[in-house]
Amino acid sequence: MPIKSLPMAPNELSGRNILVVGLGRFGGQIAAARWLVEQGARVTVTDLAPAENLAESLAQLADLPIRYRARTYGSTNIRRWSHGWLLLRMVSFAARRIKFT
C-alpha cells in the first residue's frame, strides 16, 4: 500500500528548525530527515547511541546539511529537578507562615 503524503502548503517547512529523535542504526528516520531537508527545514538528528554506533546511518546523511547531536542524560537534570522541588516546598512553607494584613 503506497504512503500518501500529507497536503502541505509550498515551503511550509522552509526555514523551520526540526528535531528528528531516534535516528537509529537501521535507517528508519533517514528518509524522514532527507525529506525534511528537501522541504527546506534545518534538521538536527539525535539518538541515545553514540555517533560511533550510528556511523552507517550518519554516512547516508553526510551529503546533507544535517546536524547530529547525541542525547545525554545526567545527574545535572535530576539535581535541577530536586532543587526546584526543594525550592517549591520552601516557598509553600513560607507562604503558610506569612500573615497578610
N, C-alpha and C. Protein backbone atom coordinates (compact mmCIF):
# COMPACT_ATOMS: atom_id res chain seq x y z
N MET A 1 0.85 -1.18 0.00
CA MET A 1 0.00 0.00 0.00
C MET A 1 0.89 1.24 0.00
N PRO A 2 0.79 2.09 -0.98
CA PRO A 2 1.65 3.28 -1.05
C PRO A 2 1.27 4.29 0.04
N ILE A 3 2.27 4.99 0.50
CA ILE A 3 2.06 6.01 1.52
C ILE A 3 1.73 7.32 0.83
N LYS A 4 0.65 7.93 1.25
CA LYS A 4 0.25 9.21 0.68
C LYS A 4 0.87 10.32 1.51
N SER A 5 1.39 11.32 0.85
CA SER A 5 1.95 12.44 1.59
C SER A 5 0.83 13.39 2.01
N LEU A 6 1.05 14.06 3.11
CA LEU A 6 0.07 14.99 3.64
C LEU A 6 0.02 16.24 2.79
N PRO A 7 -1.16 16.80 2.62
CA PRO A 7 -1.23 18.06 1.85
C PRO A 7 -0.59 19.19 2.66
N MET A 8 0.35 19.87 2.06
CA MET A 8 1.04 20.96 2.73
C MET A 8 1.18 22.13 1.77
N ALA A 9 1.18 23.30 2.35
CA ALA A 9 1.42 24.49 1.54
C ALA A 9 2.87 24.48 1.10
N PRO A 10 3.18 25.01 -0.08
CA PRO A 10 4.57 25.06 -0.54
C PRO A 10 5.44 25.80 0.48
N ASN A 11 6.59 25.23 0.75
CA ASN A 11 7.58 25.83 1.66
C ASN A 11 7.06 26.03 3.08
N GLU A 12 6.11 25.24 3.51
CA GLU A 12 5.58 25.36 4.86
C GLU A 12 6.66 25.05 5.91
N LEU A 13 7.58 24.17 5.56
CA LEU A 13 8.65 23.81 6.49
C LEU A 13 9.93 24.59 6.25
N SER A 14 9.96 25.38 5.22
CA SER A 14 11.16 26.11 4.86
C SER A 14 11.60 27.04 5.99
N GLY A 15 12.86 26.86 6.39
CA GLY A 15 13.44 27.71 7.43
C GLY A 15 13.11 27.30 8.85
N ARG A 16 12.30 26.29 9.03
CA ARG A 16 11.95 25.85 10.38
C ARG A 16 13.01 24.91 10.92
N ASN A 17 13.21 24.94 12.24
CA ASN A 17 14.12 24.02 12.91
C ASN A 17 13.34 22.77 13.28
N ILE A 18 13.80 21.63 12.81
CA ILE A 18 13.13 20.36 13.06
C ILE A 18 14.11 19.41 13.74
N LEU A 19 13.65 18.75 14.81
CA LEU A 19 14.45 17.76 15.52
C LEU A 19 13.90 16.38 15.22
N VAL A 20 14.74 15.51 14.65
CA VAL A 20 14.37 14.13 14.38
C VAL A 20 14.96 13.30 15.52
N VAL A 21 14.08 12.73 16.34
CA VAL A 21 14.51 12.00 17.53
C VAL A 21 14.61 10.52 17.20
N GLY A 22 15.75 9.91 17.51
CA GLY A 22 15.92 8.48 17.30
C GLY A 22 16.32 8.13 15.88
N LEU A 23 17.51 8.54 15.46
CA LEU A 23 17.98 8.24 14.11
C LEU A 23 18.04 6.74 13.88
N GLY A 24 18.60 6.02 14.82
CA GLY A 24 18.63 4.56 14.72
C GLY A 24 19.72 4.02 13.82
N ARG A 25 20.02 2.75 14.01
CA ARG A 25 21.04 2.08 13.22
C ARG A 25 20.46 1.42 11.98
N PHE A 26 19.15 1.38 11.88
CA PHE A 26 18.53 0.69 10.76
C PHE A 26 17.95 1.66 9.73
N GLY A 27 18.15 2.94 9.93
CA GLY A 27 17.77 3.93 8.94
C GLY A 27 16.31 4.29 8.88
N GLY A 28 15.57 4.02 9.93
CA GLY A 28 14.15 4.33 9.92
C GLY A 28 13.84 5.80 9.74
N GLN A 29 14.69 6.68 10.25
CA GLN A 29 14.42 8.11 10.17
C GLN A 29 15.22 8.80 9.07
N ILE A 30 16.04 8.06 8.36
CA ILE A 30 16.87 8.67 7.32
C ILE A 30 16.02 9.29 6.23
N ALA A 31 14.99 8.56 5.78
CA ALA A 31 14.11 9.08 4.73
C ALA A 31 13.37 10.32 5.22
N ALA A 32 12.94 10.30 6.47
CA ALA A 32 12.24 11.46 7.03
C ALA A 32 13.16 12.67 7.07
N ALA A 33 14.40 12.47 7.51
CA ALA A 33 15.36 13.57 7.58
C ALA A 33 15.65 14.13 6.19
N ARG A 34 15.82 13.24 5.21
CA ARG A 34 16.08 13.69 3.84
C ARG A 34 14.91 14.52 3.30
N TRP A 35 13.68 14.03 3.54
CA TRP A 35 12.50 14.74 3.06
C TRP A 35 12.40 16.12 3.70
N LEU A 36 12.67 16.20 4.99
CA LEU A 36 12.61 17.49 5.69
C LEU A 36 13.62 18.49 5.10
N VAL A 37 14.82 18.01 4.79
CA VAL A 37 15.83 18.88 4.18
C VAL A 37 15.36 19.34 2.80
N GLU A 38 14.76 18.43 2.03
CA GLU A 38 14.24 18.79 0.71
C GLU A 38 13.16 19.86 0.81
N GLN A 39 12.44 19.88 1.92
CA GLN A 39 11.39 20.88 2.13
C GLN A 39 11.94 22.21 2.62
N GLY A 40 13.26 22.25 2.88
CA GLY A 40 13.89 23.50 3.29
C GLY A 40 14.06 23.66 4.79
N ALA A 41 13.77 22.61 5.55
CA ALA A 41 13.90 22.69 7.00
C ALA A 41 15.36 22.57 7.43
N ARG A 42 15.68 23.18 8.56
CA ARG A 42 17.00 22.99 9.19
C ARG A 42 16.85 21.82 10.15
N VAL A 43 17.53 20.72 9.84
CA VAL A 43 17.30 19.47 10.55
C VAL A 43 18.45 19.12 11.48
N THR A 44 18.08 18.70 12.69
CA THR A 44 19.02 18.13 13.64
C THR A 44 18.52 16.74 13.97
N VAL A 45 19.40 15.75 13.92
CA VAL A 45 19.03 14.38 14.30
C VAL A 45 19.71 14.04 15.61
N THR A 46 19.07 13.18 16.38
CA THR A 46 19.61 12.81 17.67
C THR A 46 19.30 11.34 17.95
N ASP A 47 20.10 10.76 18.80
CA ASP A 47 19.89 9.37 19.21
C ASP A 47 20.62 9.16 20.52
N LEU A 48 20.16 8.19 21.29
CA LEU A 48 20.85 7.87 22.55
C LEU A 48 22.19 7.20 22.28
N ALA A 49 22.28 6.49 21.16
CA ALA A 49 23.52 5.80 20.83
C ALA A 49 24.59 6.81 20.42
N PRO A 50 25.86 6.54 20.75
CA PRO A 50 26.93 7.45 20.33
C PRO A 50 27.11 7.40 18.81
N ALA A 51 27.75 8.44 18.28
CA ALA A 51 27.93 8.56 16.83
C ALA A 51 28.66 7.35 16.25
N GLU A 52 29.56 6.74 17.01
CA GLU A 52 30.31 5.58 16.50
C GLU A 52 29.36 4.43 16.15
N ASN A 53 28.30 4.26 16.92
CA ASN A 53 27.35 3.17 16.66
C ASN A 53 26.40 3.50 15.51
N LEU A 54 26.32 4.76 15.14
CA LEU A 54 25.42 5.20 14.09
C LEU A 54 26.16 5.58 12.81
N ALA A 55 27.40 5.13 12.69
CA ALA A 55 28.25 5.56 11.58
C ALA A 55 27.61 5.32 10.22
N GLU A 56 26.98 4.16 10.03
CA GLU A 56 26.38 3.84 8.73
C GLU A 56 25.20 4.78 8.43
N SER A 57 24.36 5.01 9.41
CA SER A 57 23.22 5.92 9.21
C SER A 57 23.69 7.34 8.97
N LEU A 58 24.66 7.80 9.74
CA LEU A 58 25.17 9.16 9.58
C LEU A 58 25.87 9.34 8.23
N ALA A 59 26.51 8.27 7.74
CA ALA A 59 27.17 8.33 6.43
C ALA A 59 26.15 8.55 5.32
N GLN A 60 24.95 8.01 5.48
CA GLN A 60 23.91 8.19 4.47
C GLN A 60 23.37 9.62 4.45
N LEU A 61 23.61 10.36 5.53
CA LEU A 61 23.16 11.74 5.62
C LEU A 61 24.30 12.74 5.44
N ALA A 62 25.50 12.24 5.16
CA ALA A 62 26.69 13.11 5.10
C ALA A 62 26.60 14.17 4.01
N ASP A 63 25.87 13.89 2.94
CA ASP A 63 25.78 14.85 1.84
C ASP A 63 24.73 15.94 2.08
N LEU A 64 24.06 15.88 3.22
CA LEU A 64 23.01 16.85 3.53
C LEU A 64 23.42 17.77 4.67
N PRO A 65 22.86 18.98 4.73
CA PRO A 65 23.19 19.90 5.83
C PRO A 65 22.40 19.55 7.09
N ILE A 66 22.74 18.41 7.68
CA ILE A 66 22.05 17.92 8.87
C ILE A 66 23.04 17.88 10.02
N ARG A 67 22.61 18.37 11.18
CA ARG A 67 23.45 18.33 12.39
C ARG A 67 23.09 17.08 13.20
N TYR A 68 24.09 16.50 13.84
CA TYR A 68 23.86 15.37 14.74
C TYR A 68 24.21 15.80 16.15
N ARG A 69 23.34 15.53 17.09
CA ARG A 69 23.60 15.81 18.50
C ARG A 69 23.27 14.56 19.29
N ALA A 70 24.22 14.08 20.05
CA ALA A 70 23.96 12.92 20.90
C ALA A 70 23.09 13.36 22.07
N ARG A 71 22.09 12.56 22.39
CA ARG A 71 21.26 12.86 23.56
C ARG A 71 21.98 12.34 24.79
N THR A 72 22.10 13.18 25.77
CA THR A 72 22.74 12.76 27.01
C THR A 72 21.84 13.12 28.18
N TYR A 73 21.84 12.25 29.13
CA TYR A 73 21.10 12.49 30.36
C TYR A 73 22.09 12.33 31.49
N GLY A 74 22.02 13.20 32.44
CA GLY A 74 22.97 13.12 33.53
C GLY A 74 22.35 13.55 34.84
N SER A 75 23.18 13.54 35.85
CA SER A 75 22.70 13.89 37.18
C SER A 75 22.33 15.37 37.28
N THR A 76 22.84 16.20 36.38
CA THR A 76 22.54 17.62 36.42
C THR A 76 21.04 17.86 36.33
N ASN A 77 20.37 17.16 35.40
CA ASN A 77 18.93 17.34 35.26
C ASN A 77 18.19 16.91 36.53
N ILE A 78 18.62 15.82 37.13
CA ILE A 78 17.98 15.34 38.35
C ILE A 78 18.22 16.33 39.48
N ARG A 79 19.43 16.85 39.60
CA ARG A 79 19.71 17.82 40.64
C ARG A 79 18.86 19.07 40.46
N ARG A 80 18.72 19.52 39.24
CA ARG A 80 17.90 20.70 39.00
C ARG A 80 16.46 20.44 39.42
N TRP A 81 15.94 19.27 39.12
CA TRP A 81 14.57 18.94 39.49
C TRP A 81 14.45 18.89 41.00
N SER A 82 15.38 18.23 41.66
CA SER A 82 15.27 18.11 43.12
C SER A 82 15.46 19.47 43.79
N HIS A 83 16.32 20.33 43.24
CA HIS A 83 16.46 21.67 43.80
C HIS A 83 15.19 22.48 43.59
N GLY A 84 14.58 22.33 42.44
CA GLY A 84 13.32 23.02 42.17
C GLY A 84 12.22 22.56 43.12
N TRP A 85 12.17 21.25 43.37
CA TRP A 85 11.19 20.69 44.29
C TRP A 85 11.42 21.23 45.70
N LEU A 86 12.67 21.27 46.12
CA LEU A 86 13.00 21.81 47.44
C LEU A 86 12.60 23.28 47.54
N LEU A 87 12.88 24.06 46.51
CA LEU A 87 12.50 25.47 46.50
C LEU A 87 10.99 25.63 46.59
N LEU A 88 10.25 24.80 45.86
CA LEU A 88 8.79 24.85 45.90
C LEU A 88 8.28 24.54 47.30
N ARG A 89 8.85 23.55 47.95
CA ARG A 89 8.45 23.21 49.32
C ARG A 89 8.76 24.35 50.28
N MET A 90 9.92 24.99 50.11
CA MET A 90 10.29 26.11 50.99
C MET A 90 9.34 27.28 50.81
N VAL A 91 9.00 27.60 49.58
CA VAL A 91 8.07 28.70 49.31
C VAL A 91 6.70 28.38 49.88
N SER A 92 6.26 27.15 49.71
CA SER A 92 4.98 26.73 50.24
C SER A 92 4.96 26.86 51.76
N PHE A 93 6.02 26.42 52.42
CA PHE A 93 6.12 26.51 53.88
C PHE A 93 6.08 27.98 54.31
N ALA A 94 6.85 28.82 53.64
CA ALA A 94 6.90 30.24 53.99
C ALA A 94 5.55 30.91 53.76
N ALA A 95 4.86 30.56 52.68
CA ALA A 95 3.57 31.16 52.38
C ALA A 95 2.54 30.84 53.46
N ARG A 96 2.63 29.67 54.05
CA ARG A 96 1.69 29.30 55.12
C ARG A 96 1.99 30.06 56.41
N ARG A 97 3.23 30.49 56.59
CA ARG A 97 3.64 31.17 57.83
C ARG A 97 3.44 32.69 57.78
N ILE A 98 3.41 33.25 56.59
CA ILE A 98 3.30 34.70 56.46
C ILE A 98 1.86 35.12 56.73
N LYS A 99 1.72 36.16 57.53
CA LYS A 99 0.39 36.70 57.82
C LYS A 99 0.21 37.96 56.97
N PHE A 100 -0.81 37.94 56.13
CA PHE A 100 -1.09 39.11 55.31
C PHE A 100 -2.20 39.92 55.99
N THR A 101 -1.94 41.19 56.22
CA THR A 101 -2.96 42.01 56.89
C THR A 101 -3.38 43.17 56.03
